[in-house]
Amino acid sequence: MTESSRILLVLTSFPDEASARKLAKVLVDHRLAACINILQECTSIYRWQDHIETTSEVPVLIKTTRGRYQDVEQAIKSHHPYELPEVIAVFLDNGLPAYLQWVANETTETDI
């Protein structure tokens, strides 16, 4: 497996399901991600600009590759309503080999 085909799990969150679905469609349509999981709403507590905030958010899990990460990050930033969206990427060193290969295949750039 090349460095660019290493699998990543990218985590982000959105203020509502509609905006999370909009991003998911863009990422899958453009082969930037193989699969997106939009989870149930949760409560987030964090400090922002010297204030403690409590808000409802929708967590989003994005399966992609290292080679597609910069485009995924840019898509999140351009579709996100927050000034500073959460974007965390974690390499997946283990997983069902056939699934990891599927992620790599689905995120390969093609001439569509």
C-alpha atoms as a PDB file:
ATOM      1  CA  MET A   1       0.000   0.000   0.000  1.00  0.00           C
ATOM      2  CA  THR A   2       1.406   3.393  -0.972  1.00  0.00           C
ATOM      3  CA  GLU A   3       1.386   6.384   1.380  1.00  0.00           C
ATOM      4  CA  SER A   4      -1.362   8.086  -0.652  1.00  0.00           C
ATOM      5  CA  SER A   5      -3.605   5.004  -0.464  1.00  0.00           C
ATOM      6  CA  ARG A   6      -3.362   4.665   3.330  1.00  0.00           C
ATOM      7  CA  ILE A   7      -6.857   4.742   4.806  1.00  0.00           C
ATOM      8  CA  LEU A   8      -7.969   7.622   7.013  1.00  0.00           C
ATOM      9  CA  LEU A   9     -10.944   8.107   9.288  1.00  0.00           C
ATOM     10  CA  VAL A  10     -11.813  11.805   9.295  1.00  0.00           C
ATOM     11  CA  LEU A  11     -14.014  13.111  12.082  1.00  0.00           C
ATOM     12  CA  THR A  12     -16.035  16.296  11.957  1.00  0.00           C
ATOM     13  CA  SER A  13     -19.361  17.548  13.250  1.00  0.00           C
ATOM     14  CA  PHE A  14     -22.121  19.770  11.922  1.00  0.00           C
ATOM     15  CA  PRO A  15     -24.847  21.796  13.626  1.00  0.00           C
ATOM     16  CA  ASP A  16     -27.610  19.772  11.944  1.00  0.00           C
ATOM     17  CA  GLU A  17     -28.271  16.652   9.889  1.00  0.00           C
ATOM     18  CA  ALA A  18     -29.152  18.561   6.704  1.00  0.00           C
ATOM     19  CA  SER A  19     -25.743  20.211   6.459  1.00  0.00           C
ATOM     20  CA  ALA A  20     -24.009  16.910   7.287  1.00  0.00           C
ATOM     21  CA  ARG A  21     -25.939  15.156   4.492  1.00  0.00           C
ATOM     22  CA  LYS A  22     -25.051  17.906   2.024  1.00  0.00           C
ATOM     23  CA  LEU A  23     -21.339  17.427   2.723  1.00  0.00           C
ATOM     24  CA  ALA A  24     -21.653  13.622   2.585  1.00  0.00           C
ATOM     25  CA  LYS A  25     -23.239  13.776  -0.864  1.00  0.00           C
ATOM     26  CA  VAL A  26     -20.493  16.080  -2.183  1.00  0.00           C
ATOM     27  CA  LEU A  27     -17.724  13.848  -0.819  1.00  0.00           C
ATOM     28  CA  VAL A  28     -19.153  10.608  -2.210  1.00  0.00           C
ATOM     29  CA  ASP A  29     -20.208  12.168  -5.537  1.00  0.00           C
ATOM     30  CA  HIS A  30     -16.664  13.462  -6.094  1.00  0.00           C
ATOM     31  CA  ARG A  31     -15.028  10.203  -4.916  1.00  0.00           C
ATOM     32  CA  LEU A  32     -13.370  12.037  -2.032  1.00  0.00           C
ATOM     33  CA  ALA A  33     -14.789   9.510   0.421  1.00  0.00           C
ATOM     34  CA  ALA A  34     -15.972   5.930   0.120  1.00  0.00           C
ATOM     35  CA  CYS A  35     -18.452   6.075   2.976  1.00  0.00           C
ATOM     36  CA  ILE A  36     -19.838   8.640   5.388  1.00  0.00           C
ATOM     37  CA  ASN A  37     -21.558   7.828   8.673  1.00  0.00           C
ATOM     38  CA  ILE A  38     -23.850  10.547  10.010  1.00  0.00           C
ATOM     39  CA  LEU A  39     -24.407   9.777  13.663  1.00  0.00           C
ATOM     40  CA  GLN A  40     -27.148  10.798  16.058  1.00  0.00           C
ATOM     41  CA  GLU A  41     -27.113  14.282  17.517  1.00  0.00           C
ATOM     42  CA  CYS A  42     -24.941  14.712  20.594  1.00  0.00           C
ATOM     43  CA  THR A  43     -24.074  17.456  23.056  1.00  0.00           C
ATOM     44  CA  SER A  44     -20.719  19.186  22.742  1.00  0.00           C
ATOM     45  CA  ILE A  45     -19.206  21.307  25.498  1.00  0.00           C
ATOM     46  CA  TYR A  46     -16.165  23.400  24.649  1.00  0.00           C
ATOM     47  CA  ARG A  47     -14.461  26.725  25.244  1.00  0.00           C
ATOM     48  CA  TRP A  48     -14.739  29.210  22.366  1.00  0.00           C
ATOM     49  CA  GLN A  49     -13.494  32.792  22.571  1.00  0.00           C
ATOM     50  CA  ASP A  50     -13.272  32.678  26.375  1.00  0.00           C
ATOM     51  CA  HIS A  51     -16.809  31.332  26.837  1.00  0.00           C
ATOM     52  CA  ILE A  52     -17.969  27.836  27.711  1.00  0.00           C
ATOM     53  CA  GLU A  53     -20.379  26.720  24.982  1.00  0.00           C
ATOM     54  CA  THR A  54     -22.896  23.888  25.071  1.00  0.00           C
ATOM     55  CA  THR A  55     -24.445  22.966  21.752  1.00  0.00           C
ATOM     56  CA  SER A  56     -26.036  20.102  19.851  1.00  0.00           C
ATOM     57  CA  GLU A  57     -24.004  18.716  16.981  1.00  0.00           C
ATOM     58  CA  VAL A  58     -24.179  15.847  14.496  1.00  0.00           C
ATOM     59  CA  PRO A  59     -20.954  13.781  14.377  1.00  0.00           C
ATOM     60  CA  VAL A  60     -19.745  12.686  10.941  1.00  0.00           C
ATOM     61  CA  LEU A  61     -17.269   9.862  10.212  1.00  0.00           C
ATOM     62  CA  ILE A  62     -15.586   9.959   6.803  1.00  0.00           C
ATOM     63  CA  LYS A  63     -13.631   7.041   5.308  1.00  0.00           C
ATOM     64  CA  THR A  64     -11.066   8.190   2.756  1.00  0.00           C
ATOM     65  CA  THR A  65      -7.398   7.919   1.809  1.00  0.00           C
ATOM     66  CA  ARG A  66      -4.340  10.025   2.567  1.00  0.00           C
ATOM     67  CA  GLY A  67      -4.204  11.045  -1.079  1.00  0.00           C
ATOM     68  CA  ARG A  68      -7.710  12.539  -0.904  1.00  0.00           C
ATOM     69  CA  TYR A  69      -7.345  14.160   2.512  1.00  0.00           C
ATOM     70  CA  GLN A  70      -6.545  17.724   1.373  1.00  0.00           C
ATOM     71  CA  ASP A  71      -9.623  17.770  -0.876  1.00  0.00           C
ATOM     72  CA  VAL A  72     -11.783  16.371   1.943  1.00  0.00           C
ATOM     73  CA  GLU A  73     -10.491  19.031   4.326  1.00  0.00           C
ATOM     74  CA  GLN A  74     -11.166  21.766   1.778  1.00  0.00           C
ATOM     75  CA  ALA A  75     -14.699  20.457   1.143  1.00  0.00           C
ATOM     76  CA  ILE A  76     -15.436  20.446   4.869  1.00  0.00           C
ATOM     77  CA  LYS A  77     -14.157  24.006   5.255  1.00  0.00           C
ATOM     78  CA  SER A  78     -16.106  25.278   2.252  1.00  0.00           C
ATOM     79  CA  HIS A  79     -19.403  23.576   3.253  1.00  0.00           C
ATOM     80  CA  HIS A  80     -19.204  24.201   6.988  1.00  0.00           C
ATOM     81  CA  PRO A  81     -21.023  27.042   8.723  1.00  0.00           C
ATOM     82  CA  TYR A  82     -18.522  27.220  11.618  1.00  0.00           C
ATOM     83  CA  GLU A  83     -15.623  29.652  11.621  1.00  0.00           C
ATOM     84  CA  LEU A  84     -13.362  26.827  12.826  1.00  0.00           C
ATOM     85  CA  PRO A  85     -14.780  23.383  12.029  1.00  0.00           C
ATOM     86  CA  GLU A  86     -13.506  20.272  13.742  1.00  0.00           C
ATOM     87  CA  VAL A  87     -11.408  18.228  11.308  1.00  0.00           C
ATOM     88  CA  ILE A  88      -9.438  15.323  12.779  1.00  0.00           C
ATOM     89  CA  ALA A  89      -7.859  12.567  10.703  1.00  0.00           C
ATOM     90  CA  VAL A  90      -6.663   9.237  12.077  1.00  0.00           C
ATOM     91  CA  PHE A  91      -4.767   6.605  10.090  1.00  0.00           C
ATOM     92  CA  LEU A  92      -6.385   3.163  10.162  1.00  0.00           C
ATOM     93  CA  ASP A  93      -3.561   0.668  10.551  1.00  0.00           C
ATOM     94  CA  ASN A  94      -5.850  -2.332  10.866  1.00  0.00           C
ATOM     95  CA  GLY A  95      -9.168  -3.383   9.448  1.00  0.00           C
ATOM     96  CA  LEU A  96     -10.778  -5.976   7.237  1.00  0.00           C
ATOM     97  CA  PRO A  97      -8.406  -5.979   4.231  1.00  0.00           C
ATOM     98  CA  ALA A  98     -11.212  -6.234   1.678  1.00  0.00           C
ATOM     99  CA  TYR A  99     -13.016  -3.251   3.241  1.00  0.00           C
ATOM    100  CA  LEU A 100      -9.859  -1.140   3.319  1.00  0.00           C
ATOM    101  CA  GLN A 101      -9.235  -2.005  -0.331  1.00  0.00           C
ATOM    102  CA  TRP A 102     -12.808  -1.003  -1.167  1.00  0.00           C
ATOM    103  CA  VAL A 103     -12.223   2.406   0.454  1.00  0.00           C
ATOM    104  CA  ALA A 104      -9.059   2.827  -1.609  1.00  0.00           C
ATOM    105  CA  ASN A 105     -10.853   1.786  -4.814  1.00  0.00           C
ATOM    106  CA  GLU A 106     -13.834   4.086  -4.218  1.00  0.00           C
ATOM    107  CA  THR A 107     -11.632   7.123  -3.645  1.00  0.00           C
ATOM    108  CA  THR A 108      -9.484   6.666  -6.725  1.00  0.00           C
ATOM    109  CA  GLU A 109      -9.706   9.609  -9.090  1.00  0.00           C
ATOM    110  CA  THR A 110     -11.318   8.702 -12.388  1.00  0.00           C
ATOM    111  CA  ASP A 111     -12.116  10.505 -15.601  1.00  0.00           C
ATOM    112  CA  ILE A 112     -15.884  10.773 -15.205  1.00  0.00           C
END
